[in-house]
Amino acid sequence: MILERAAVSHPGLVRPSNEDAVGFLIPDRPEILSARGALFSVADGVGGLAGGEVASQTAVTVMADEYFSPRAPFGVEAALRLAAEAANRRVYALAQTPSPELNGMQTTLTALVVAGRQAYIAHAGDTRVYRLRGGILTQLTADHSEAAELLRLRLITPAQAANHPRRSVLTRTFGGSLQLRPDFGRHAVDDGDVYLLCSDGLWGEVPDADIARELQGPVGEACDRLVEMACGHGGGDNVTVQCIRVLEAGPAKPASPPGRIARLLSGLRGG
C-alpha cells in the first residue's frame, strides 16, 4: 500500500483560536501496516463550549493509541469501534471535571482507516469524509446536526439545509454523553482514490465542485488551496483539511482469524 498524505489546519479569519485537530498514524512496520492499515482523523471542538481544543486533540490522540494498541482486536472494524468508544469515554470523563476550562467540552471526530483495498470510517458530528474517484466527489459521511436530521426526514430541502439556523447544532458528539452511537462504514478502495477529511470550516464555505477540482492536483497543493479558498469565502470558522491519495492500494487485508465456534465446526468436519 502506497499513500500520499498532506494536511493543513488554520484558525480562519474570525475565530481567535483553532479548536480543530488533525491525527494520522502510518505504521513503519510492514506487518502492522498490513494488519491494521493507516489511520487518519480530523476533529472539531464544539464552538461555544469550554475546552474545544482539548476535546479535539484528546479524541484524535486516544483514537490512534487505542486503535493501534496491542490489546485491540485483530479485525479492523472491531478495533475501530473500541477505539471510538475509548475516545468518547476519555473526552466525556474530562468534560465532567469541575474545571471551567474543560467542563462540558465536546468534539466531533471523523476517522478513516485505509487498509489494503478497504476503507473504514468511524464518525460523529459534522466533520466529513469525501472520496474523489474518476473526477466524481462523493460524501461518505452523514452530518449529525439538527438541520441534517430534518433533511433526512424530508422536512426541508437541501437548499434550506445549507442555510438553516440549526445547521451547526449537533446531535452527536464525542464527550456529549457516556453512550455514543457513532456511524461506521466500509468502502472499497481503488488505485487513484483521493480521500478528504475536513471540518465544516471548509465544506460550509467552499462548493463541492471547487473541492473536487482542487483534489485532482497534488495533495499538498490541494490542502493549501482549499484552506485559501475557505478563507477567501469569509473564513468564518476554523478550517482543517487532510488529503490522502491512494497511489497503490495493494492486496486485500488478510481475513480475521476464525472465531472459536468456527474452529470447532471445522474440527468436527475434519477441516
Protein backbone atom coordinates (compact mmCIF):
# COMPACT_ATOMS: atom_id res chain seq x y z
CA MET A 1 0.00 0.00 0.00
CA ILE A 2 1.46 3.35 -1.08
CA LEU A 3 -0.23 6.53 0.10
CA GLU A 4 0.38 10.25 -0.34
CA ARG A 5 -0.84 12.46 2.51
CA ALA A 6 -0.95 16.13 3.47
CA ALA A 7 -2.88 18.28 5.93
CA VAL A 8 -3.40 21.94 6.80
CA SER A 9 -5.25 23.44 9.79
CA HIS A 10 -5.99 27.16 10.04
CA PRO A 11 -7.94 29.24 12.59
CA GLY A 12 -9.76 31.13 9.84
CA LEU A 13 -10.29 34.87 9.82
CA VAL A 14 -12.81 35.30 12.65
CA ARG A 15 -12.15 32.83 15.47
CA PRO A 16 -9.41 33.84 17.96
CA SER A 17 -8.07 30.27 18.26
CA ASN A 18 -8.05 26.97 16.42
CA GLU A 19 -10.10 24.22 18.09
CA ASP A 20 -9.61 21.70 15.25
CA ALA A 21 -7.17 18.80 15.49
CA VAL A 22 -5.56 16.50 12.92
CA GLY A 23 -4.37 12.97 13.60
CA PHE A 24 -2.64 10.34 11.49
CA LEU A 25 -0.55 7.24 12.00
CA ILE A 26 1.00 5.23 9.20
CA PRO A 27 2.86 2.29 10.80
CA ASP A 28 6.52 1.82 9.90
CA ARG A 29 6.39 -1.95 10.42
CA PRO A 30 5.00 -3.73 7.35
CA GLU A 31 3.21 -6.40 9.38
CA ILE A 32 1.29 -3.76 11.36
CA LEU A 33 0.51 -1.76 8.22
CA SER A 34 -0.79 -4.94 6.58
CA ALA A 35 -2.94 -5.94 9.54
CA ARG A 36 -4.15 -2.52 10.70
CA GLY A 37 -3.72 -0.17 7.74
CA ALA A 38 -3.17 3.57 8.16
CA LEU A 39 -5.33 5.82 10.36
CA PHE A 40 -6.31 9.42 9.62
CA SER A 41 -8.62 11.68 11.63
CA VAL A 42 -9.99 15.19 11.94
CA ALA A 43 -11.81 16.58 14.99
CA ASP A 44 -13.53 19.91 15.56
CA GLY A 45 -14.09 21.14 19.13
CA VAL A 46 -17.68 22.27 19.57
CA GLY A 47 -17.82 26.06 19.39
CA GLY A 48 -19.17 28.00 22.32
CA LEU A 49 -18.19 25.31 24.84
CA ALA A 50 -15.15 25.18 27.09
CA GLY A 51 -12.05 23.23 26.14
CA GLY A 52 -12.79 22.67 22.47
CA GLU A 53 -9.13 22.38 21.55
CA VAL A 54 -8.53 19.92 24.42
CA ALA A 55 -11.53 17.81 23.40
CA SER A 56 -10.49 17.58 19.75
CA GLN A 57 -6.84 16.78 20.50
CA THR A 58 -7.82 14.22 23.13
CA ALA A 59 -10.18 12.48 20.71
CA VAL A 60 -7.66 12.09 17.88
CA THR A 61 -4.88 11.01 20.29
CA VAL A 62 -6.94 8.37 22.11
CA MET A 63 -8.36 7.10 18.81
CA ALA A 64 -4.86 6.41 17.46
CA ASP A 65 -3.49 5.00 20.72
CA GLU A 66 -6.38 2.58 21.19
CA TYR A 67 -6.68 1.54 17.55
CA PHE A 68 -3.02 0.51 17.36
CA SER A 69 -2.87 -0.85 20.90
CA PRO A 70 -1.61 -4.44 21.28
CA ARG A 71 -4.82 -5.04 23.26
CA ALA A 72 -7.05 -4.12 20.32
CA PRO A 73 -8.97 -6.85 18.44
CA PHE A 74 -7.43 -8.25 15.27
CA GLY A 75 -10.26 -7.11 12.99
CA VAL A 76 -10.15 -3.53 11.71
CA GLU A 77 -13.83 -2.84 12.31
CA ALA A 78 -13.82 -4.22 15.85
CA ALA A 79 -10.65 -2.28 16.71
CA LEU A 80 -12.09 0.92 15.26
CA ARG A 81 -15.30 0.55 17.27
CA LEU A 82 -13.45 0.03 20.53
CA ALA A 83 -11.11 2.94 19.79
CA ALA A 84 -14.08 5.23 19.14
CA GLU A 85 -15.72 4.13 22.40
CA ALA A 86 -12.48 4.77 24.29
CA ALA A 87 -12.09 8.24 22.74
CA ASN A 88 -15.65 9.15 23.70
CA ARG A 89 -15.19 7.91 27.28
CA ARG A 90 -11.99 9.88 27.69
CA VAL A 91 -13.43 13.15 26.39
CA TYR A 92 -16.59 12.63 28.47
CA ALA A 93 -14.56 11.97 31.63
CA LEU A 94 -12.54 15.15 31.15
CA ALA A 95 -15.73 17.09 30.45
CA GLN A 96 -17.12 16.12 33.87
CA THR A 97 -14.33 17.83 35.78
CA PRO A 98 -15.28 20.97 37.76
CA SER A 99 -12.62 22.97 35.94
CA PRO A 100 -14.35 25.74 33.93
CA GLU A 101 -11.72 25.30 31.20
CA LEU A 102 -12.91 21.74 30.48
CA ASN A 103 -16.39 21.30 31.92
CA GLY A 104 -18.91 20.33 29.26
CA MET A 105 -16.41 20.18 26.40
CA GLN A 106 -17.33 18.17 23.28
CA THR A 107 -15.92 17.50 19.84
CA THR A 108 -16.71 15.98 16.50
CA LEU A 109 -14.42 13.21 15.27
CA THR A 110 -14.14 11.55 11.90
CA ALA A 111 -11.59 8.76 11.44
CA LEU A 112 -10.60 6.93 8.26
CA VAL A 113 -8.61 3.71 8.10
CA VAL A 114 -7.17 2.69 4.72
CA ALA A 115 -6.29 -1.00 4.90
CA GLY A 116 -5.45 -2.52 1.55
CA ARG A 117 -8.50 -2.38 -0.67
CA GLN A 118 -10.93 -1.36 2.05
CA ALA A 119 -11.55 1.98 3.75
CA TYR A 120 -13.24 2.04 7.15
CA ILE A 121 -14.88 5.10 8.73
CA ALA A 122 -15.90 6.00 12.29
CA HIS A 123 -17.76 9.26 12.61
CA ALA A 124 -19.85 11.51 14.86
CA GLY A 125 -20.61 15.17 14.29
CA ASP A 126 -20.28 17.25 11.14
CA THR A 127 -16.67 16.77 10.12
CA ARG A 128 -16.75 14.89 6.83
CA VAL A 129 -15.02 12.32 4.63
CA TYR A 130 -15.20 12.78 0.87
CA ARG A 131 -13.86 10.47 -1.85
CA LEU A 132 -12.80 11.62 -5.29
CA ARG A 133 -12.91 8.81 -7.84
CA GLY A 134 -12.87 9.31 -11.58
CA GLY A 135 -13.50 13.01 -11.12
CA ILE A 136 -16.66 12.39 -9.08
CA LEU A 137 -16.77 13.69 -5.49
CA THR A 138 -18.83 11.59 -3.04
CA GLN A 139 -19.58 12.43 0.58
CA LEU A 140 -19.09 9.22 2.60
CA THR A 141 -20.35 10.51 5.96
CA ALA A 142 -23.69 11.88 7.12
CA ASP A 143 -23.76 15.03 9.24
CA HIS A 144 -25.16 14.73 12.75
CA SER A 145 -26.87 18.11 13.05
CA GLU A 146 -30.45 19.21 13.55
CA ALA A 147 -30.63 20.58 10.01
CA ALA A 148 -29.26 17.34 8.56
CA GLU A 149 -31.80 15.31 10.53
CA LEU A 150 -34.62 17.49 9.16
CA LEU A 151 -33.25 16.98 5.66
CA ARG A 152 -33.15 13.18 6.07
CA LEU A 153 -36.79 13.34 7.22
CA ARG A 154 -37.54 15.39 4.07
CA LEU A 155 -38.93 18.22 6.15
CA ILE A 156 -36.60 20.72 4.48
CA THR A 157 -34.81 20.88 1.12
CA PRO A 158 -31.03 20.73 0.56
CA ALA A 159 -31.07 24.45 -0.22
CA GLN A 160 -32.84 25.16 3.07
CA ALA A 161 -30.46 22.88 4.98
CA ALA A 162 -27.44 24.78 3.63
CA ASN A 163 -28.58 27.98 5.35
CA HIS A 164 -30.67 26.57 8.17
CA PRO A 165 -30.25 28.34 11.55
CA ARG A 166 -29.82 24.93 13.25
CA ARG A 167 -27.17 23.73 10.81
CA SER A 168 -24.43 23.90 13.44
CA VAL A 169 -26.46 22.40 16.31
CA LEU A 170 -25.01 18.90 16.63
CA THR A 171 -27.00 15.82 17.61
CA ARG A 172 -24.00 13.51 18.20
CA THR A 173 -20.58 14.43 19.57
CA PHE A 174 -17.69 12.81 21.38
CA GLY A 175 -17.98 13.75 25.04
CA GLY A 176 -21.62 14.77 24.86
CA SER A 177 -22.78 11.64 26.67
CA LEU A 178 -21.27 8.49 28.10
CA GLN A 179 -23.02 6.35 25.48
CA LEU A 180 -22.33 7.42 21.90
CA ARG A 181 -23.59 5.86 18.66
CA PRO A 182 -21.02 6.76 16.01
CA ASP A 183 -21.63 5.89 12.39
CA PHE A 184 -19.36 3.19 10.96
CA GLY A 185 -18.87 2.43 7.29
CA ARG A 186 -16.76 0.36 4.91
CA HIS A 187 -15.97 1.19 1.28
CA ALA A 188 -13.92 -0.42 -1.46
CA VAL A 189 -10.64 1.31 -2.33
CA ASP A 190 -9.29 1.72 -5.87
CA ASP A 191 -5.87 2.89 -7.00
CA GLY A 192 -6.03 6.64 -7.56
CA ASP A 193 -8.77 7.32 -5.00
CA VAL A 194 -8.40 10.58 -3.10
CA TYR A 195 -9.91 10.92 0.38
CA LEU A 196 -10.56 14.26 2.05
CA LEU A 197 -11.26 14.64 5.77
CA CYS A 198 -12.36 18.15 6.67
CA SER A 199 -14.09 20.31 9.25
CA ASP A 200 -17.16 22.39 8.47
CA GLY A 201 -14.94 25.41 8.04
CA LEU A 202 -14.23 24.01 4.58
CA TRP A 203 -17.48 22.49 3.34
CA GLY A 204 -19.54 25.32 4.83
CA GLU A 205 -17.65 27.83 2.69
CA VAL A 206 -16.43 26.05 -0.47
CA PRO A 207 -18.77 24.41 -3.02
CA ASP A 208 -18.30 20.70 -3.76
CA ALA A 209 -17.39 21.41 -7.40
CA ASP A 210 -14.46 23.56 -6.30
CA ILE A 211 -13.36 20.93 -3.78
CA ALA A 212 -13.42 18.25 -6.48
CA ARG A 213 -11.36 20.36 -8.86
CA GLU A 214 -8.63 21.05 -6.30
CA LEU A 215 -8.38 17.40 -5.22
CA GLN A 216 -7.24 16.41 -8.70
CA GLY A 217 -3.87 18.04 -8.11
CA PRO A 218 -1.02 17.12 -5.71
CA VAL A 219 -2.40 16.64 -2.21
CA GLY A 220 -0.11 19.22 -0.60
CA GLU A 221 -1.16 21.89 -3.08
CA ALA A 222 -4.79 20.82 -2.74
CA CYS A 223 -4.74 21.32 1.02
CA ASP A 224 -3.18 24.78 0.69
CA ARG A 225 -5.64 25.86 -2.00
CA LEU A 226 -8.71 24.58 -0.15
CA VAL A 227 -7.78 26.50 3.00
CA GLU A 228 -7.08 29.62 0.94
CA MET A 229 -10.49 29.27 -0.70
CA ALA A 230 -12.27 28.84 2.63
CA CYS A 231 -10.61 31.99 3.94
CA GLY A 232 -11.40 33.77 0.68
CA HIS A 233 -15.08 32.99 1.21
CA GLY A 234 -15.01 34.64 4.63
CA GLY A 235 -13.07 32.23 6.86
CA GLY A 236 -15.78 32.39 9.49
CA ASP A 237 -14.65 29.19 11.23
CA ASN A 238 -11.55 27.11 11.85
CA VAL A 239 -10.76 25.16 8.70
CA THR A 240 -8.91 21.85 8.60
CA VAL A 241 -8.27 19.57 5.65
CA GLN A 242 -6.42 16.26 5.37
CA CYS A 243 -5.96 14.69 1.93
CA ILE A 244 -4.90 11.11 1.20
CA ARG A 245 -4.22 9.83 -2.31
CA VAL A 246 -4.03 6.06 -2.78
CA LEU A 247 -1.19 5.51 -5.25
CA GLU A 248 -1.31 1.73 -4.82
CA ALA A 249 -3.91 0.05 -2.64
CA GLY A 250 -2.01 -3.22 -2.52
CA PRO A 251 -3.60 -6.59 -1.73
CA ALA A 252 -6.73 -7.05 0.31
CA LYS A 253 -6.26 -7.08 4.08
CA PRO A 254 -5.83 -10.61 5.50
CA ALA A 255 -9.01 -12.17 6.80
CA SER A 256 -9.58 -12.22 10.54
CA PRO A 257 -8.73 -15.48 12.29
CA PRO A 258 -11.80 -17.73 12.65
CA GLY A 259 -13.73 -17.48 15.88
CA ARG A 260 -13.90 -20.26 18.45
CA ILE A 261 -17.19 -21.67 17.11
CA ALA A 262 -15.91 -21.68 13.52
CA ARG A 263 -12.77 -23.55 14.64
CA LEU A 264 -14.86 -26.13 16.49
CA LEU A 265 -17.10 -26.71 13.46
CA SER A 266 -14.04 -27.03 11.24
CA GLY A 267 -12.63 -29.66 13.62
CA LEU A 268 -15.88 -31.64 13.58
CA ARG A 269 -15.79 -31.67 9.77
CA GLY A 270 -12.17 -32.80 9.83
CA GLY A 271 -11.01 -29.45 8.36
